PDB file of N, CA and C in Angstrom:
ATOM      1  N   MET A   1      24.996  10.501 -13.332  1.00  0.00           N
ATOM      2  CA  MET A   1      25.569   9.567 -12.167  1.00  0.00           C
ATOM      3  C   MET A   1      24.638  10.023 -11.021  1.00  0.00           C
ATOM      4  N   LEU A   2      24.735  10.690 -10.783  1.00  0.00           N
ATOM      5  CA  LEU A   2      24.104  11.652  -9.530  1.00  0.00           C
ATOM      6  C   LEU A   2      22.821  11.449  -8.918  1.00  0.00           C
ATOM      7  N   ILE A   3      22.204  11.709 -10.319  1.00  0.00           N
ATOM      8  CA  ILE A   3      20.783  11.534 -10.156  1.00  0.00           C
ATOM      9  C   ILE A   3      20.499  10.071 -10.072  1.00  0.00           C
ATOM     10  N   ALA A   4      20.675   9.224 -11.099  1.00  0.00           N
ATOM     11  CA  ALA A   4      21.140   7.607 -11.292  1.00  0.00           C
ATOM     12  C   ALA A   4      20.993   7.119  -9.449  1.00  0.00           C
ATOM     13  N   SER A   5      21.911   7.443  -9.284  1.00  0.00           N
ATOM     14  CA  SER A   5      22.388   6.924  -7.820  1.00  0.00           C
ATOM     15  C   SER A   5      21.472   7.252  -6.571  1.00  0.00           C
ATOM     16  N   PHE A   6      21.010   8.309  -6.541  1.00  0.00           N
ATOM     17  CA  PHE A   6      19.778   8.779  -5.492  1.00  0.00           C
ATOM     18  C   PHE A   6      18.825   8.023  -5.822  1.00  0.00           C
ATOM     19  N   ILE A   7      18.342   8.156  -7.491  1.00  0.00           N
ATOM     20  CA  ILE A   7      16.858   7.473  -7.211  1.00  0.00           C
ATOM     21  C   ILE A   7      17.463   5.906  -7.086  1.00  0.00           C
ATOM     22  N   ALA A   8      18.126   5.362  -7.518  1.00  0.00           N
ATOM     23  CA  ALA A   8      18.666   4.061  -6.765  1.00  0.00           C
ATOM     24  C   ALA A   8      18.768   3.524  -4.982  1.00  0.00           C
ATOM     25  N   VAL A   9      19.382   4.509  -4.493  1.00  0.00           N
ATOM     26  CA  VAL A   9      19.051   4.395  -3.165  1.00  0.00           C
ATOM     27  C   VAL A   9      17.728   4.623  -2.661  1.00  0.00           C
ATOM     28  N   ALA A  10      17.375   5.662  -3.318  1.00  0.00           N
ATOM     29  CA  ALA A  10      15.866   6.054  -2.834  1.00  0.00           C
ATOM     30  C   ALA A  10      14.714   5.140  -3.120  1.00  0.00           C
ATOM     31  N   ALA A  11      15.009   4.146  -4.420  1.00  0.00           N
ATOM     32  CA  ALA A  11      14.016   2.986  -4.324  1.00  0.00           C
ATOM     33  C   ALA A  11      14.442   1.832  -3.177  1.00  0.00           C
ATOM     34  N   LEU A  12      15.402   1.161  -3.382  1.00  0.00           N
ATOM     35  CA  LEU A  12      16.018   0.721  -2.164  1.00  0.00           C
ATOM     36  C   LEU A  12      15.525   0.537  -1.188  1.00  0.00           C
ATOM     37  N   SER A  13      15.486   2.258  -0.080  1.00  0.00           N
ATOM     38  CA  SER A  13      15.069   2.354   1.219  1.00  0.00           C
ATOM     39  C   SER A  13      13.704   2.276   1.264  1.00  0.00           C
ATOM     40  N   LEU A  14      12.944   2.664   0.401  1.00  0.00           N
ATOM     41  CA  LEU A  14      11.638   2.757   0.162  1.00  0.00           C
ATOM     42  C   LEU A  14      10.661   1.635   0.182  1.00  0.00           C
ATOM     43  N   GLN A  15      11.660   0.714  -0.595  1.00  0.00           N
ATOM     44  CA  GLN A  15      11.067  -0.616  -0.810  1.00  0.00           C
ATOM     45  C   GLN A  15      10.456  -1.420   0.381  1.00  0.00           C
ATOM     46  N   VAL A  16       9.143  -1.592  -0.115  1.00  0.00           N
ATOM     47  CA  VAL A  16       8.630  -3.141   1.068  1.00  0.00           C
ATOM     48  C   VAL A  16       9.399  -4.434   1.032  1.00  0.00           C
ATOM     49  N   ARG A  17       9.753  -4.822   2.479  1.00  0.00           N
ATOM     50  CA  ARG A  17      10.487  -5.803   2.790  1.00  0.00           C
ATOM     51  C   ARG A  17       9.562  -6.968   2.816  1.00  0.00           C
ATOM     52  N   ALA A  18      10.133  -8.497   1.904  1.00  0.00           N
ATOM     53  CA  ALA A  18       9.507  -9.509   1.712  1.00  0.00           C
ATOM     54  C   ALA A  18       8.861  -9.730   3.486  1.00  0.00           C
ATOM     55  N   GLY A  19       7.369 -10.263   3.667  1.00  0.00           N
ATOM     56  CA  GLY A  19       6.737 -10.681   4.597  1.00  0.00           C
ATOM     57  C   GLY A  19       6.302  -9.538   5.311  1.00  0.00           C
ATOM     58  N   SER A  20       6.129  -8.301   4.876  1.00  0.00           N
ATOM     59  CA  SER A  20       6.284  -7.024   5.356  1.00  0.00           C
ATOM     60  C   SER A  20       4.353  -7.160   5.803  1.00  0.00           C
ATOM     61  N   GLU A  21       4.195  -7.222   7.346  1.00  0.00           N
ATOM     62  CA  GLU A  21       2.711  -6.894   7.791  1.00  0.00           C
ATOM     63  C   GLU A  21       1.879  -5.751   7.320  1.00  0.00           C
ATOM     64  N   VAL A  22       2.671  -4.530   7.829  1.00  0.00           N
ATOM     65  CA  VAL A  22       2.467  -3.346   7.465  1.00  0.00           C
ATOM     66  C   VAL A  22       2.827  -2.602   6.548  1.00  0.00           C
ATOM     67  N   VAL A  23       2.422  -2.073   5.732  1.00  0.00           N
ATOM     68  CA  VAL A  23       2.936  -1.240   4.568  1.00  0.00           C
ATOM     69  C   VAL A  23       2.312   0.223   4.851  1.00  0.00           C
ATOM     70  N   ALA A  24       3.074   1.181   4.164  1.00  0.00           N
ATOM     71  CA  ALA A  24       2.469   2.739   3.641  1.00  0.00           C
ATOM     72  C   ALA A  24       1.859   2.471   2.407  1.00  0.00           C
ATOM     73  N   VAL A  25       1.001   3.233   2.148  1.00  0.00           N
ATOM     74  CA  VAL A  25       0.195   3.180   1.246  1.00  0.00           C
ATOM     75  C   VAL A  25      -0.102   4.728  -0.016  1.00  0.00           C
ATOM     76  N   ALA A  26       0.333   5.206  -0.850  1.00  0.00           N
ATOM     77  CA  ALA A  26      -0.138   6.509  -1.136  1.00  0.00           C
ATOM     78  C   ALA A  26      -0.881   6.630  -2.101  1.00  0.00           C
ATOM     79  N   PHE A  27      -2.168   7.312  -1.699  1.00  0.00           N
ATOM     80  CA  PHE A  27      -3.117   7.687  -2.657  1.00  0.00           C
ATOM     81  C   PHE A  27      -2.726   8.762  -3.893  1.00  0.00           C
ATOM     82  N   PRO A  28      -3.516   8.921  -4.845  1.00  0.00           N
ATOM     83  CA  PRO A  28      -3.369  10.279  -5.603  1.00  0.00           C
ATOM     84  C   PRO A  28      -3.562  11.251  -4.560  1.00  0.00           C
ATOM     85  N   PRO A  29      -1.898  12.348  -4.533  1.00  0.00           N
ATOM     86  CA  PRO A  29      -2.216  13.694  -3.653  1.00  0.00           C
ATOM     87  C   PRO A  29      -3.413  14.168  -3.954  1.00  0.00           C
ATOM     88  N   TRP A  30      -4.400  14.686  -4.532  1.00  0.00           N
ATOM     89  CA  TRP A  30      -5.594  15.150  -4.531  1.00  0.00           C
ATOM     90  C   TRP A  30      -6.295  14.503  -4.023  1.00  0.00           C
ATOM     91  N   TRP A  31      -6.949  13.759  -3.555  1.00  0.00           N
ATOM     92  CA  TRP A  31      -7.507  12.949  -2.949  1.00  0.00           C
ATOM     93  C   TRP A  31      -7.395  13.328  -1.273  1.00  0.00           C
ATOM     94  N   SER A  32      -8.987  13.259  -0.715  1.00  0.00           N
ATOM     95  CA  SER A  32      -8.986  13.766   0.420  1.00  0.00           C
ATOM     96  C   SER A  32      -8.579  12.554   1.506  1.00  0.00           C
ATOM     97  N   ALA A  33      -8.450  12.828   2.675  1.00  0.00           N
ATOM     98  CA  ALA A  33      -8.488  11.981   3.948  1.00  0.00           C
ATOM     99  C   ALA A  33      -9.282  10.435   3.672  1.00  0.00           C
ATOM    100  N   GLN A  34     -11.017  11.187   3.795  1.00  0.00           N
ATOM    101  CA  GLN A  34     -11.367  10.524   3.912  1.00  0.00           C
ATOM    102  C   GLN A  34     -11.684   8.939   2.614  1.00  0.00           C
ATOM    103  N   GLN A  35     -11.457   9.708   1.177  1.00  0.00           N
ATOM    104  CA  GLN A  35     -11.142   9.067  -0.034  1.00  0.00           C
ATOM    105  C   GLN A  35     -10.498   8.094   0.555  1.00  0.00           C
ATOM    106  N   ALA A  36      -9.017   8.304   1.120  1.00  0.00           N
ATOM    107  CA  ALA A  36      -8.144   7.849   1.320  1.00  0.00           C
ATOM    108  C   ALA A  36      -7.938   6.115   1.766  1.00  0.00           C
ATOM    109  N   MET A  37      -9.163   6.917   2.930  1.00  0.00           N
ATOM    110  CA  MET A  37      -9.677   5.747   4.269  1.00  0.00           C
ATOM    111  C   MET A  37     -10.734   4.934   3.577  1.00  0.00           C
ATOM    112  N   LEU A  38     -11.625   5.527   2.978  1.00  0.00           N
ATOM    113  CA  LEU A  38     -12.308   4.803   2.280  1.00  0.00           C
ATOM    114  C   LEU A  38     -12.162   3.714   1.280  1.00  0.00           C
ATOM    115  N   ALA A  39     -10.913   3.869   0.478  1.00  0.00           N
ATOM    116  CA  ALA A  39     -10.330   3.018  -0.329  1.00  0.00           C
ATOM    117  C   ALA A  39     -10.067   2.202   0.361  1.00  0.00           C
ATOM    118  N   ALA A  40      -8.736   2.469   1.115  1.00  0.00           N
ATOM    119  CA  ALA A  40      -7.911   1.474   2.170  1.00  0.00           C
ATOM    120  C   ALA A  40      -9.179  -0.253   2.879  1.00  0.00           C
ATOM    121  N   ALA A  41     -10.160   0.811   3.067  1.00  0.00           N
ATOM    122  CA  ALA A  41     -11.288  -0.031   3.860  1.00  0.00           C
ATOM    123  C   ALA A  41     -11.784  -1.109   2.700  1.00  0.00           C
ATOM    124  N   SER A  42     -12.268  -0.073   1.576  1.00  0.00           N
ATOM    125  CA  SER A  42     -12.607  -1.094   0.301  1.00  0.00           C
ATOM    126  C   SER A  42     -11.438  -2.408   0.011  1.00  0.00           C
ATOM    127  N   ALA A  43     -10.691  -2.492   0.761  1.00  0.00           N
ATOM    128  CA  ALA A  43      -9.615  -3.378  -0.241  1.00  0.00           C
ATOM    129  C   ALA A  43      -9.221  -4.174   0.980  1.00  0.00           C
ATOM    130  N   ASP A  44     -10.117  -3.921   2.213  1.00  0.00           N
ATOM    131  CA  ASP A  44     -10.023  -4.845   3.312  1.00  0.00           C
ATOM    132  C   ASP A  44      -8.763  -4.431   4.115  1.00  0.00           C
ATOM    133  N   ALA A  45      -8.157  -3.308   3.978  1.00  0.00           N
ATOM    134  CA  ALA A  45      -6.934  -2.945   4.844  1.00  0.00           C
ATOM    135  C   ALA A  45      -7.378  -2.309   6.024  1.00  0.00           C
ATOM    136  N   ALA A  46      -6.629  -2.794   7.104  1.00  0.00           N
ATOM    137  CA  ALA A  46      -7.315  -2.394   8.538  1.00  0.00           C
ATOM    138  C   ALA A  46      -5.902  -1.303   8.462  1.00  0.00           C
ATOM    139  N   LEU A  47      -6.708  -0.227   8.960  1.00  0.00           N
ATOM    140  CA  LEU A  47      -5.917   1.536   9.162  1.00  0.00           C
ATOM    141  C   LEU A  47      -5.190   1.253  10.227  1.00  0.00           C
ATOM    142  N   VAL A  48      -4.000   1.486  10.485  1.00  0.00           N
ATOM    143  CA  VAL A  48      -2.933   1.476  11.310  1.00  0.00           C
ATOM    144  C   VAL A  48      -2.542   2.709  12.174  1.00  0.00           C
ATOM    145  N   ARG A  49      -2.140   3.796  11.317  1.00  0.00           N
ATOM    146  CA  ARG A  49      -1.904   4.950  11.437  1.00  0.00           C
ATOM    147  C   ARG A  49      -2.202   6.044  10.358  1.00  0.00           C
ATOM    148  N   THR A  50      -2.299   7.338  10.616  1.00  0.00           N
ATOM    149  CA  THR A  50      -2.320   7.745   9.330  1.00  0.00           C
ATOM    150  C   THR A  50      -0.837   8.920   9.641  1.00  0.00           C
ATOM    151  N   THR A  51      -0.809   9.471   8.466  1.00  0.00           N
ATOM    152  CA  THR A  51       0.484  10.815   8.370  1.00  0.00           C
ATOM    153  C   THR A  51       0.146  12.403   8.106  1.00  0.00           C
ATOM    154  N   THR A  52       0.778  13.293   7.936  1.00  0.00           N
ATOM    155  CA  THR A  52       0.569  14.551   7.646  1.00  0.00           C
ATOM    156  C   THR A  52      -0.098  14.730   6.314  1.00  0.00           C
ATOM    157  N   LEU A  53       0.533  13.793   5.384  1.00  0.00           N
ATOM    158  CA  LEU A  53      -0.085  14.131   4.091  1.00  0.00           C
ATOM    159  C   LEU A  53      -1.688  12.992   4.452  1.00  0.00           C
ATOM    160  N   SER A  54      -2.529  13.641   3.533  1.00  0.00           N
ATOM    161  CA  SER A  54      -4.329  13.036   3.738  1.00  0.00           C
ATOM    162  C   SER A  54      -4.068  11.584   2.762  1.00  0.00           C
ATOM    163  N   SER A  55      -3.665  11.712   1.918  1.00  0.00           N
ATOM    164  CA  SER A  55      -2.941  10.548   0.652  1.00  0.00           C
ATOM    165  C   SER A  55      -1.903   9.502   1.148  1.00  0.00           C
ATOM    166  N   LEU A  56      -1.491   9.679   2.177  1.00  0.00           N
ATOM    167  CA  LEU A  56      -0.292   8.616   2.473  1.00  0.00           C
ATOM    168  C   LEU A  56      -1.339   7.840   3.898  1.00  0.00           C
ATOM    169  N   LEU A  57      -1.238   6.384   3.994  1.00  0.00           N
ATOM    170  CA  LEU A  57      -1.529   5.757   4.688  1.00  0.00           C
ATOM    171  C   LEU A  57      -0.603   4.558   5.362  1.00  0.00           C
ATOM    172  N   VAL A  58      -0.904   4.375   6.067  1.00  0.00           N
ATOM    173  CA  VAL A  58      -0.033   2.996   6.984  1.00  0.00           C
ATOM    174  C   VAL A  58      -1.307   2.011   7.355  1.00  0.00           C
ATOM    175  N   VAL A  59      -1.189   1.159   6.763  1.00  0.00           N
ATOM    176  CA  VAL A  59      -2.295  -0.314   7.129  1.00  0.00           C
ATOM    177  C   VAL A  59      -1.620  -1.493   6.798  1.00  0.00           C
ATOM    178  N   ARG A  60      -2.566  -1.981   7.593  1.00  0.00           N
ATOM    179  CA  ARG A  60      -2.152  -3.445   7.322  1.00  0.00           C
ATOM    180  C   ARG A  60      -3.048  -4.148   6.565  1.00  0.00           C
ATOM    181  N   PRO A  61      -2.515  -4.618   5.282  1.00  0.00           N
ATOM    182  CA  PRO A  61      -3.369  -5.765   4.165  1.00  0.00           C
ATOM    183  C   PRO A  61      -3.653  -6.675   4.498  1.00  0.00           C
ATOM    184  N   ARG A  62      -4.876  -7.052   3.898  1.00  0.00           N
ATOM    185  CA  ARG A  62      -5.040  -8.734   3.863  1.00  0.00           C
ATOM    186  C   ARG A  62      -3.729  -9.614   3.816  1.00  0.00           C
ATOM    187  N   GLU A  63      -3.518 -10.766   4.331  1.00  0.00           N
ATOM    188  CA  GLU A  63      -2.679 -11.649   3.854  1.00  0.00           C
ATOM    189  C   GLU A  63      -3.011 -12.164   2.752  1.00  0.00           C
ATOM    190  N   HIS A  64      -3.605 -12.143   2.033  1.00  0.00           N
ATOM    191  CA  HIS A  64      -4.301 -13.070   0.295  1.00  0.00           C
ATOM    192  C   HIS A  64      -4.452 -11.902  -0.060  1.00  0.00           C
ATOM    193  N   ASP A  65      -3.582 -11.390  -1.633  1.00  0.00           N
ATOM    194  CA  ASP A  65      -4.480 -10.589  -2.232  1.00  0.00           C
ATOM    195  C   ASP A  65      -4.373  -9.402  -2.132  1.00  0.00           C
ATOM    196  N   GLY A  66      -3.733  -9.194  -0.652  1.00  0.00           N
ATOM    197  CA  GLY A  66      -3.950  -7.650  -0.147  1.00  0.00           C
ATOM    198  C   GLY A  66      -3.281  -6.496  -1.056  1.00  0.00           C
ATOM    199  N   LEU A  67      -2.328  -6.360  -1.024  1.00  0.00           N
ATOM    200  CA  LEU A  67      -1.646  -5.476  -2.059  1.00  0.00           C
ATOM    201  C   LEU A  67      -2.365  -5.399  -3.484  1.00  0.00           C
ATOM    202  N   ALA A  68      -2.734  -6.507  -4.220  1.00  0.00           N
ATOM    203  CA  ALA A  68      -3.288  -6.197  -4.974  1.00  0.00           C
ATOM    204  C   ALA A  68      -5.026  -5.858  -5.049  1.00  0.00           C
ATOM    205  N   ARG A  69      -5.381  -6.031  -3.888  1.00  0.00           N
ATOM    206  CA  ARG A  69      -7.017  -5.004  -3.614  1.00  0.00           C
ATOM    207  C   ARG A  69      -6.487  -3.718  -3.524  1.00  0.00           C
ATOM    208  N   LEU A  70      -5.278  -3.201  -2.855  1.00  0.00           N
ATOM    209  CA  LEU A  70      -4.892  -2.077  -2.614  1.00  0.00           C
ATOM    210  C   LEU A  70      -4.845  -1.147  -3.920  1.00  0.00           C
ATOM    211  N   ARG A  71      -4.100  -1.230  -4.613  1.00  0.00           N
ATOM    212  CA  ARG A  71      -3.935  -1.248  -5.847  1.00  0.00           C
ATOM    213  C   ARG A  71      -5.222  -0.627  -7.044  1.00  0.00           C
ATOM    214  N   GLU A  72      -5.824  -1.838  -7.064  1.00  0.00           N
ATOM    215  CA  GLU A  72      -7.419  -1.566  -7.299  1.00  0.00           C
ATOM    216  C   GLU A  72      -8.117  -0.777  -6.645  1.00  0.00           C
ATOM    217  N   ALA A  73      -7.945  -0.654  -5.721  1.00  0.00           N
ATOM    218  CA  ALA A  73      -8.926   0.956  -4.764  1.00  0.00           C
ATOM    219  C   ALA A  73      -7.813   2.123  -5.314  1.00  0.00           C
ATOM    220  N   GLY A  74      -6.732   1.959  -6.130  1.00  0.00           N
ATOM    221  CA  GLY A  74      -6.309   3.609  -6.224  1.00  0.00           C
ATOM    222  C   GLY A  74      -5.023   3.621  -5.817  1.00  0.00           C
ATOM    223  N   VAL A  75      -4.337   3.024  -5.001  1.00  0.00           N
ATOM    224  CA  VAL A  75      -2.852   3.315  -4.553  1.00  0.00           C
ATOM    225  C   VAL A  75      -1.751   2.953  -5.355  1.00  0.00           C
ATOM    226  N   TRP A  76      -0.874   4.580  -5.614  1.00  0.00           N
ATOM    227  CA  TRP A  76      -0.217   5.067  -6.326  1.00  0.00           C
ATOM    228  C   TRP A  76       1.167   3.989  -6.143  1.00  0.00           C
ATOM    229  N   LEU A  77       1.780   4.121  -4.796  1.00  0.00           N
ATOM    230  CA  LEU A  77       2.981   3.381  -4.753  1.00  0.00           C
ATOM    231  C   LEU A  77       2.598   2.665  -3.111  1.00  0.00           C
ATOM    232  N   VAL A  78       3.499   1.793  -3.097  1.00  0.00           N
ATOM    233  CA  VAL A  78       3.532   0.917  -2.238  1.00  0.00           C
ATOM    234  C   VAL A  78       4.986   1.219  -1.353  1.00  0.00           C
ATOM    235  N   ILE A  79       5.163   1.637   0.064  1.00  0.00           N
ATOM    236  CA  ILE A  79       6.355   1.965   0.414  1.00  0.00           C
ATOM    237  C   ILE A  79       6.399   1.283   2.453  1.00  0.00           C
ATOM    238  N   ASP A  80       7.619   1.296   2.825  1.00  0.00           N
ATOM    239  CA  ASP A  80       7.771   0.207   3.511  1.00  0.00           C
ATOM    240  C   ASP A  80       7.632   1.754   4.856  1.00  0.00           C
ATOM    241  N   PRO A  81       7.086   1.359   5.889  1.00  0.00           N
ATOM    242  CA  PRO A  81       6.432   2.230   6.351  1.00  0.00           C
ATOM    243  C   PRO A  81       7.292   2.699   7.084  1.00  0.00           C
ATOM    244  N   GLN A  82       8.322   2.288   8.013  1.00  0.00           N
ATOM    245  CA  GLN A  82       9.737   2.477   8.834  1.00  0.00           C
ATOM    246  C   GLN A  82      10.361   3.767   7.624  1.00  0.00           C
ATOM    247  N   ALA A  83      10.482   3.351   6.717  1.00  0.00           N
ATOM    248  CA  ALA A  83      11.278   4.825   5.626  1.00  0.00           C
ATOM    249  C   ALA A  83      10.606   6.114   5.816  1.00  0.00           C
ATOM    250  N   VAL A  84       9.078   5.836   6.007  1.00  0.00           N
ATOM    251  CA  VAL A  84       8.229   6.996   5.973  1.00  0.00           C
ATOM    252  C   VAL A  84       7.678   7.807   7.125  1.00  0.00           C
ATOM    253  N   SER A  85       8.489   7.023   8.427  1.00  0.00           N
ATOM    254  CA  SER A  85       7.900   6.843   9.684  1.00  0.00           C
ATOM    255  C   SER A  85       8.269   8.399  10.287  1.00  0.00           C
ATOM    256  N   ALA A  86       9.910   8.884   9.601  1.00  0.00           N
ATOM    257  CA  ALA A  86      10.640   9.876  10.375  1.00  0.00           C
ATOM    258  C   ALA A  86      10.404  11.074   9.636  1.00  0.00           C
ATOM    259  N   CYS A  87       9.585  10.632   8.605  1.00  0.00           N
ATOM    260  CA  CYS A  87       9.317  12.343   7.737  1.00  0.00           C
ATOM    261  C   CYS A  87       7.812  12.595   7.927  1.00  0.00           C
ATOM    262  N   PHE A  88       7.088  11.376   8.087  1.00  0.00           N
ATOM    263  CA  PHE A  88       5.309  11.979   7.624  1.00  0.00           C
ATOM    264  C   PHE A  88       5.227  11.381   9.211  1.00  0.00           C
ATOM    265  N   ALA A  89       4.866  11.613   9.940  1.00  0.00           N
ATOM    266  CA  ALA A  89       4.964  10.930  11.189  1.00  0.00           C
ATOM    267  C   ALA A  89       3.793  11.847  11.668  1.00  0.00           C
ATOM    268  N   LYS A  90       2.476  11.653  12.020  1.00  0.00           N
ATOM    269  CA  LYS A  90       1.852  12.727  12.657  1.00  0.00           C
ATOM    270  C   LYS A  90       1.536  12.323  14.046  1.00  0.00           C
TER     271      LYS A  90
END
């Protein structure tokens, strides 16, 4: 029960809010910062800031189909940027 509640709280706190213009995106952890930035650029996402993890970026996706294009570029996870800013700010 404890593990299930931890997972539920983590999923709710990391979830992207509807209408968010800026999101944090996680690429595969073995990708370099250059690979992650090139993949985000190929999805027409503007880089907002980097984090201490090279595969975790904060970006502003295109308004129309931006998140879908990021997923096609290799994003594993889309996260609320405020939820990760305290832990992974550079």
